[in-house]
Amino acid sequence: MNKLETNNKAYFVRIVKMEFKDEKVNDFLNNFNSVKEKIRNTKGCRLLELYKDKNKPNVFFTYSYWNNEQDLENYRNSDLFKNVWAKTKPLFNVKPEAWSVDKTYVLE
């Protein structure tokens, strides 16, 4: 089995599905835009992406690539994450879902 490797490192990926109250989507986007660079520049974060569902405009997914699981945990225990979460959590319509995966293959 070949793992995706960049600079001889396989990435750990965190996927989070978030569904917001319709009237709170702009609040989420404004907050995300204000912190996205800080999140991306967190030690160990290699990539940060935000996706919006094509059929449900209040559903978003974040994909973040990390050097390893510990880097993600360090971010989740940081003041930055605590502040982001404090502003984001009240905007949810339903409890978010999250998956931690190892990126295994890429076919282009």
Foldseek 3Di string as FASTA:
>chain_A
DAFDDDVHAWWKKKKKKFAFDPVCQVVLVVLCVVCVVVVCPQPFWPDWDKDADPVRRRMIMIMIIGRDPVSVVVVCPDPSVVVSCVSVVVGGPDDMDMDIDTGGDDDD
